[in-house]
Amino acid sequence: MPVGFLIGVGGGLASALLFYSAARGSPTLSTLLLLLTPLPSLLAGLGWGWMPAAAGAVAGAVAMALAAYPAFAVGYFLALGLPATIASYLAYLSRPHAQDPTKVEWYPPGRLLAGVALYGGALPVLVLPLIGGSYEGLRAPMAELFRQLSARAPELGLRTLSEQQIEALAELVVAALPGAMAAYWLGIFSLNLYLAGRIARASGRLGRDWPYLPGLAYPPGFPLVLAGALAAVFAPGVLGVAGVSFSGALLLAYLIAGLALVHYIARGRARWVLWLVYALLLLFEPYTAVALVLGGLLEPVLGLRRRFGLSPPPQT
């Protein structure tokens, strides 16, 4: 077996082990492990190609099926193995440059992230069969959790919740859960995709040019997808679940686009501008996040990069 495939299988098994440990560990440990689960598979994919990543996805799924049970294997394959393979494949798509055929034009990072965001939006729908076909089954356990928290509220000097408030809160959380899952997955996967690319580049294994991330731009029809998702939020059944999940993923994607816009505008200027934006994001998260999402949405229409930014550096 070629070395690349061995590395891909090793990366897939490492990701599967992290995924299994995150699913079975304590909440704190699970959160830490979830942040790293895609990294080995993405390292294999960006460093050695999408076929080793695919081999790792299959190997990880088989290992999960043998070590745990088939539902874990399917969950791993859908949440990690398959998207790592797709992202690795898209990252290496290329064509001759239109102006200079001797140069290569790589798949744009905006289209790559758009594809990852769309997959993240689809993921909560894809896993529906694994949770009984509906998120409504989670309402009773969620309400019980809130009852337990409410019972301990007086110890912290807080008021207890009425049964009606508990039921309403559980209903709200379950309704928003697909969107939160999609956004959380997209955030973790995008971060690991960036880290894997950086590591592959530093080790000399990245087989393409490093993209100019501050110039991140989504396909022209991407806002229409977000509009359709928002319109479907209040639809019944699976369509409503899809609307919530795609809305969560695409809104986070536009927040990332807003951050890229800030990096573009701040390039060549004082570094405190970036630190200020990140500080505001931490301190006033809802308001700063909304501003970044609006910036990402409006940039193609208003040309904010052209108005406020400097000329982009040459690609390397």
Protein backbone atom coordinates (compact mmCIF):
# COMPACT_ATOMS: atom_id res chain seq x y z
CA MET A 1 0.00 0.00 0.00
CA PRO A 2 1.43 3.45 -0.90
CA VAL A 3 2.66 5.60 1.97
CA GLY A 4 -0.03 8.22 1.31
CA PHE A 5 -2.81 5.68 1.82
CA LEU A 6 -1.21 4.42 5.02
CA ILE A 7 -1.10 7.99 6.30
CA GLY A 8 -4.71 8.49 5.24
CA VAL A 9 -5.81 5.35 7.08
CA GLY A 10 -3.84 6.45 10.14
CA GLY A 11 -5.45 9.89 10.01
CA GLY A 12 -8.91 8.36 9.68
CA LEU A 13 -8.33 6.04 12.63
CA ALA A 14 -6.98 8.91 14.74
CA SER A 15 -10.05 11.03 13.94
CA ALA A 16 -12.31 8.07 14.72
CA LEU A 17 -10.62 7.58 18.09
CA LEU A 18 -11.04 11.26 18.93
CA PHE A 19 -14.68 11.13 17.80
CA TYR A 20 -15.42 8.06 19.94
CA SER A 21 -13.62 9.54 22.96
CA ALA A 22 -15.52 12.81 22.58
CA ALA A 23 -18.84 10.95 22.42
CA ARG A 24 -18.10 8.87 25.52
CA GLY A 25 -16.02 11.28 27.64
CA SER A 26 -16.92 13.90 30.23
CA PRO A 27 -18.45 17.17 28.94
CA THR A 28 -15.19 19.12 29.41
CA LEU A 29 -13.06 16.44 27.77
CA SER A 30 -15.61 15.98 25.00
CA THR A 31 -15.54 19.69 24.16
CA LEU A 32 -11.74 19.69 23.91
CA LEU A 33 -11.63 16.53 21.82
CA LEU A 34 -14.36 17.75 19.46
CA LEU A 35 -12.18 20.74 18.60
CA LEU A 36 -9.51 18.39 17.23
CA THR A 37 -11.47 15.52 15.69
CA PRO A 38 -11.27 16.64 12.01
CA LEU A 39 -7.56 17.59 12.12
CA PRO A 40 -5.89 14.19 11.41
CA SER A 41 -8.20 13.43 8.47
CA LEU A 42 -7.78 16.91 7.00
CA LEU A 43 -4.01 16.73 7.41
CA ALA A 44 -3.98 13.49 5.44
CA GLY A 45 -6.26 14.96 2.77
CA LEU A 46 -4.42 18.25 2.28
CA GLY A 47 -0.99 16.67 2.59
CA TRP A 48 -1.48 13.55 0.47
CA GLY A 49 -4.71 14.05 -1.47
CA TRP A 50 -8.39 13.23 -1.33
CA MET A 51 -8.00 9.50 -2.07
CA PRO A 52 -5.96 8.83 1.11
CA ALA A 53 -8.55 10.91 2.96
CA ALA A 54 -11.30 8.70 1.51
CA ALA A 55 -9.38 5.58 2.55
CA GLY A 56 -9.11 7.04 6.05
CA ALA A 57 -12.84 7.78 6.12
CA VAL A 58 -13.68 4.17 5.27
CA ALA A 59 -11.11 2.79 7.72
CA GLY A 60 -12.38 5.02 10.51
CA ALA A 61 -15.99 4.04 9.85
CA VAL A 62 -15.13 0.32 9.85
CA ALA A 63 -13.16 0.72 13.09
CA MET A 64 -16.09 2.52 14.70
CA ALA A 65 -18.50 -0.19 13.59
CA LEU A 66 -16.28 -2.88 15.10
CA ALA A 67 -15.36 -1.05 18.30
CA ALA A 68 -18.77 0.46 19.04
CA TYR A 69 -21.85 -0.06 16.85
CA PRO A 70 -23.01 0.91 13.33
CA ALA A 71 -24.70 4.17 14.38
CA PHE A 72 -21.35 5.49 15.62
CA ALA A 73 -19.76 4.48 12.31
CA VAL A 74 -22.41 6.30 10.29
CA GLY A 75 -22.14 9.36 12.54
CA TYR A 76 -18.36 9.45 12.15
CA PHE A 77 -18.53 9.03 8.38
CA LEU A 78 -21.12 11.80 7.95
CA ALA A 79 -19.61 14.27 10.42
CA LEU A 80 -15.90 13.77 9.68
CA GLY A 81 -14.86 11.23 7.07
CA LEU A 82 -17.00 12.33 4.13
CA PRO A 83 -16.61 16.12 4.56
CA ALA A 84 -12.83 15.79 5.00
CA THR A 85 -12.68 13.88 1.72
CA ILE A 86 -14.87 16.43 -0.09
CA ALA A 87 -12.90 19.40 1.26
CA SER A 88 -9.59 17.79 0.24
CA TYR A 89 -10.94 17.13 -3.25
CA LEU A 90 -12.21 20.69 -3.70
CA ALA A 91 -8.99 22.20 -2.34
CA TYR A 92 -7.00 20.64 -5.19
CA LEU A 93 -9.35 21.44 -8.06
CA SER A 94 -7.55 23.65 -10.58
CA ARG A 95 -7.56 24.90 -14.16
CA PRO A 96 -5.19 26.89 -16.39
CA HIS A 97 -5.29 30.62 -15.69
CA ALA A 98 -7.43 32.54 -18.20
CA GLN A 99 -4.81 35.24 -18.88
CA ASP A 100 -1.71 33.05 -18.55
CA PRO A 101 -2.17 29.34 -19.40
CA THR A 102 1.25 28.57 -17.90
CA LYS A 103 -0.16 29.41 -14.45
CA VAL A 104 -2.68 27.43 -12.43
CA GLU A 105 -5.90 28.85 -11.03
CA TRP A 106 -6.91 26.98 -7.89
CA TYR A 107 -10.43 26.46 -6.58
CA PRO A 108 -11.36 29.73 -4.80
CA PRO A 109 -11.43 29.59 -0.99
CA GLY A 110 -14.85 31.26 -0.94
CA ARG A 111 -16.39 28.49 -3.01
CA LEU A 112 -14.64 25.88 -0.87
CA LEU A 113 -16.01 27.39 2.34
CA ALA A 114 -19.44 27.76 0.71
CA GLY A 115 -19.41 24.03 -0.05
CA VAL A 116 -18.38 23.23 3.52
CA ALA A 117 -21.15 25.51 4.85
CA LEU A 118 -23.77 23.81 2.68
CA TYR A 119 -22.61 20.42 3.91
CA GLY A 120 -22.80 21.70 7.49
CA GLY A 121 -26.37 22.83 6.85
CA ALA A 122 -27.28 19.42 5.48
CA LEU A 123 -25.63 17.47 8.32
CA PRO A 124 -28.42 17.86 10.95
CA VAL A 125 -30.86 16.55 8.34
CA LEU A 126 -28.60 13.66 7.34
CA VAL A 127 -28.34 12.44 10.95
CA LEU A 128 -32.12 12.42 11.49
CA PRO A 129 -32.38 8.62 11.01
CA LEU A 130 -29.80 8.17 13.79
CA ILE A 131 -32.01 9.99 16.34
CA GLY A 132 -35.35 8.46 15.43
CA GLY A 133 -36.28 10.72 12.55
CA SER A 134 -37.08 13.84 14.58
CA TYR A 135 -35.55 16.24 17.08
CA GLU A 136 -38.86 16.32 18.97
CA GLY A 137 -37.79 13.23 20.91
CA LEU A 138 -35.18 15.40 22.62
CA ARG A 139 -37.78 17.75 24.10
CA ALA A 140 -38.60 15.60 27.15
CA PRO A 141 -34.93 15.02 28.16
CA MET A 142 -34.24 18.73 27.61
CA ALA A 143 -37.20 19.72 29.80
CA GLU A 144 -36.01 17.34 32.52
CA LEU A 145 -32.55 18.93 32.39
CA PHE A 146 -34.07 22.39 32.83
CA ARG A 147 -36.17 21.12 35.75
CA GLN A 148 -33.02 19.92 37.49
CA LEU A 149 -31.27 23.22 36.83
CA SER A 150 -34.31 25.15 38.04
CA ALA A 151 -34.41 23.13 41.26
CA ARG A 152 -30.82 24.19 42.00
CA ALA A 153 -31.39 27.84 41.07
CA PRO A 154 -32.10 29.02 44.68
CA GLU A 155 -28.63 27.80 45.71
CA LEU A 156 -27.20 30.41 43.32
CA GLY A 157 -29.62 33.14 44.35
CA LEU A 158 -31.74 32.74 41.20
CA ARG A 159 -35.47 32.27 40.74
CA THR A 160 -36.92 28.92 39.78
CA LEU A 161 -38.79 28.48 36.51
CA SER A 162 -42.43 27.54 36.27
CA GLU A 163 -43.42 24.37 34.44
CA GLN A 164 -44.79 26.45 31.58
CA GLN A 165 -41.49 28.33 31.28
CA ILE A 166 -39.53 25.07 31.34
CA GLU A 167 -41.64 23.58 28.57
CA ALA A 168 -41.37 26.75 26.46
CA LEU A 169 -37.60 26.88 26.95
CA ALA A 170 -37.21 23.21 26.02
CA GLU A 171 -39.31 23.76 22.90
CA LEU A 172 -37.18 26.76 21.89
CA VAL A 173 -33.88 24.94 22.42
CA VAL A 174 -35.00 21.86 20.48
CA ALA A 175 -36.26 24.05 17.63
CA ALA A 176 -32.94 25.92 17.45
CA LEU A 177 -30.79 22.81 17.93
CA PRO A 178 -30.29 21.94 14.22
CA GLY A 179 -29.03 25.47 13.50
CA ALA A 180 -26.73 25.43 16.52
CA MET A 181 -25.37 22.02 15.51
CA ALA A 182 -24.71 23.17 11.95
CA ALA A 183 -22.98 26.38 13.04
CA TYR A 184 -20.91 24.56 15.68
CA TRP A 185 -19.81 21.92 13.19
CA LEU A 186 -18.93 24.54 10.57
CA GLY A 187 -16.87 26.53 13.07
CA ILE A 188 -14.88 23.49 14.21
CA PHE A 189 -14.40 22.08 10.71
CA SER A 190 -13.35 25.44 9.22
CA LEU A 191 -10.84 26.03 12.02
CA ASN A 192 -9.33 22.58 11.53
CA LEU A 193 -9.26 23.05 7.76
CA TYR A 194 -7.23 26.23 8.27
CA LEU A 195 -4.89 24.56 10.80
CA ALA A 196 -4.39 21.52 8.57
CA GLY A 197 -3.53 23.79 5.64
CA ARG A 198 -1.04 25.74 7.74
CA ILE A 199 0.63 22.57 9.01
CA ALA A 200 0.76 21.05 5.52
CA ARG A 201 2.26 24.26 4.16
CA ALA A 202 4.87 24.49 6.94
CA SER A 203 5.89 20.87 6.34
CA GLY A 204 6.12 21.32 2.56
CA ARG A 205 3.23 18.93 1.87
CA LEU A 206 0.66 21.49 0.63
CA GLY A 207 0.42 20.91 -3.11
CA ARG A 208 -1.23 24.20 -4.03
CA ASP A 209 -0.75 27.93 -3.50
CA TRP A 210 -1.89 29.37 -0.18
CA PRO A 211 -5.17 31.23 -0.84
CA TYR A 212 -5.64 34.91 -0.11
CA LEU A 213 -8.18 34.52 2.71
CA PRO A 214 -8.95 38.24 3.33
CA GLY A 215 -10.35 38.30 -0.21
CA LEU A 216 -12.86 35.54 0.63
CA ALA A 217 -15.92 35.80 -1.66
CA TYR A 218 -18.88 33.42 -1.93
CA PRO A 219 -20.64 32.45 -5.18
CA PRO A 220 -23.15 35.06 -6.47
CA GLY A 221 -26.23 32.97 -5.65
CA PHE A 222 -25.21 32.22 -2.07
CA PRO A 223 -27.41 34.95 -0.49
CA LEU A 224 -30.43 33.40 -2.23
CA VAL A 225 -29.69 30.11 -0.50
CA LEU A 226 -29.66 31.91 2.85
CA ALA A 227 -32.93 33.67 1.99
CA GLY A 228 -34.53 30.34 1.10
CA ALA A 229 -33.29 28.78 4.33
CA LEU A 230 -34.67 31.64 6.41
CA ALA A 231 -38.02 31.36 4.61
CA ALA A 232 -38.20 27.63 5.44
CA VAL A 233 -37.49 28.09 9.17
CA PHE A 234 -41.17 28.04 10.14
CA ALA A 235 -42.14 25.20 7.80
CA PRO A 236 -43.28 21.95 9.41
CA GLY A 237 -41.35 18.69 9.47
CA VAL A 238 -38.04 18.03 7.78
CA LEU A 239 -38.30 21.20 5.69
CA GLY A 240 -38.36 23.29 8.85
CA VAL A 241 -35.39 21.39 10.29
CA ALA A 242 -33.50 22.01 7.05
CA GLY A 243 -34.40 25.70 7.15
CA VAL A 244 -33.07 26.09 10.69
CA SER A 245 -29.91 24.06 10.05
CA PHE A 246 -28.99 25.80 6.79
CA SER A 247 -29.74 29.20 8.35
CA GLY A 248 -27.35 28.48 11.22
CA ALA A 249 -24.56 27.29 8.93
CA LEU A 250 -24.91 30.09 6.38
CA LEU A 251 -25.16 32.85 8.97
CA LEU A 252 -21.89 31.65 10.49
CA ALA A 253 -20.40 31.47 6.99
CA TYR A 254 -21.27 35.14 6.50
CA LEU A 255 -19.82 35.98 9.91
CA ILE A 256 -16.56 34.41 8.69
CA ALA A 257 -16.86 36.49 5.51
CA GLY A 258 -17.29 39.57 7.70
CA LEU A 259 -14.11 38.72 9.59
CA ALA A 260 -12.29 38.26 6.28
CA LEU A 261 -13.54 41.70 5.23
CA VAL A 262 -12.19 43.24 8.44
CA HIS A 263 -8.81 41.59 7.82
CA TYR A 264 -8.82 42.95 4.26
CA ILE A 265 -9.61 46.50 5.36
CA ALA A 266 -7.13 46.38 8.26
CA ARG A 267 -4.31 45.02 6.09
CA GLY A 268 -1.49 47.52 5.95
CA ARG A 269 -3.05 49.57 8.74
CA ALA A 270 -2.65 49.53 12.52
CA ARG A 271 -2.99 46.06 14.06
CA TRP A 272 -5.18 47.45 16.84
CA VAL A 273 -8.11 47.52 14.42
CA LEU A 274 -8.18 43.71 14.30
CA TRP A 275 -7.68 43.36 18.04
CA LEU A 276 -10.53 45.82 18.62
CA VAL A 277 -12.91 43.81 16.43
CA TYR A 278 -12.06 40.54 18.17
CA ALA A 279 -12.38 42.19 21.59
CA LEU A 280 -15.80 43.54 20.62
CA LEU A 281 -16.78 40.09 19.36
CA LEU A 282 -15.98 38.64 22.78
CA LEU A 283 -17.47 41.45 24.87
CA PHE A 284 -20.54 42.31 22.78
CA GLU A 285 -20.92 39.05 20.88
CA PRO A 286 -24.51 39.33 19.57
CA TYR A 287 -24.17 42.88 18.28
CA THR A 288 -20.68 42.49 16.80
CA ALA A 289 -21.68 39.18 15.22
CA VAL A 290 -24.70 40.80 13.55
CA ALA A 291 -22.49 43.61 12.24
CA LEU A 292 -20.00 41.09 10.81
CA VAL A 293 -22.78 39.05 9.17
CA LEU A 294 -24.20 42.21 7.60
CA GLY A 295 -20.73 43.19 6.41
CA GLY A 296 -20.26 39.79 4.78
CA LEU A 297 -23.69 40.02 3.13
CA LEU A 298 -23.36 43.59 1.90
CA GLU A 299 -19.77 43.50 0.66
CA PRO A 300 -20.60 42.10 -2.81
CA VAL A 301 -23.34 44.72 -3.24
CA LEU A 302 -21.57 47.79 -1.85
CA GLY A 303 -18.00 46.86 -2.77
CA LEU A 304 -16.68 47.52 0.74
CA ARG A 305 -13.26 46.10 -0.09
CA ARG A 306 -12.90 48.47 -3.01
CA ARG A 307 -14.09 51.43 -0.94
CA PHE A 308 -12.04 50.94 2.21
CA GLY A 309 -9.27 48.44 1.46
CA LEU A 310 -5.89 48.60 -0.17
CA SER A 311 -4.99 46.70 -3.32
CA PRO A 312 -4.51 42.96 -2.64
CA PRO A 313 -1.01 41.53 -2.52
CA PRO A 314 0.17 39.24 -5.32
CA GLN A 315 -0.66 35.57 -4.97
CA THR A 316 2.21 33.31 -3.87
